[in-house]
Amino acid sequence: MTPDVPTVLAGLSHTFLFELAPELRSPHAQQSARLGAILLLMVAQEFDRAAERLTEENRAVEELLREGRRLPLEPSLCEEIEATLRGFASSLRVSDLRRRNRELRGVLLRLHEAVELLEGSEAREVEEKIWEELRRSVERRRLDLEAA
């Protein structure tokens, strides 16, 4: 049997919260056990969604970089965008997807800085799309504290 990570973490969380915490004498120890329980539930959520979230975000940022390279940018930034778009996450491992995400977001930051200095409606459209993706990125990372 392969253990289901979110189920295991939820079980540990339940044990911390309802079995261990009430047995602890000091308020500090009880609070630490409760905090540990909540953190376990948060980790379970992130474990379950991390690959999908990172894949979705990486695709969205790649698309923004493709749109941005059509703007009149410095040649060095265009080259950096091109080189980054040639890369890819080498697997579906979360560590590889995160590495790719950091690479893409670094180039997106430099694109965003450049776009803010450009004139014209195309630059404003790309700028707004970048801001919208950053907002969506925050929403993708939001944890369901009701479940915790």
Foldseek 3Di string as FASTA:
>chain_A
DDDLQLVVLQVQLCCLQPPVLVPDDDPVSNVVSNVSSLVSNQVSVCVVCQLVLLVVLLVLLLVLLVLLLVDPFDPVLNVLNVVLNVDDQPDSPSVSSVVNSVSSVVSLVVSLVRLVPDDDDSSVVSNVSSVVSVVVSVVSSDTDSVSD
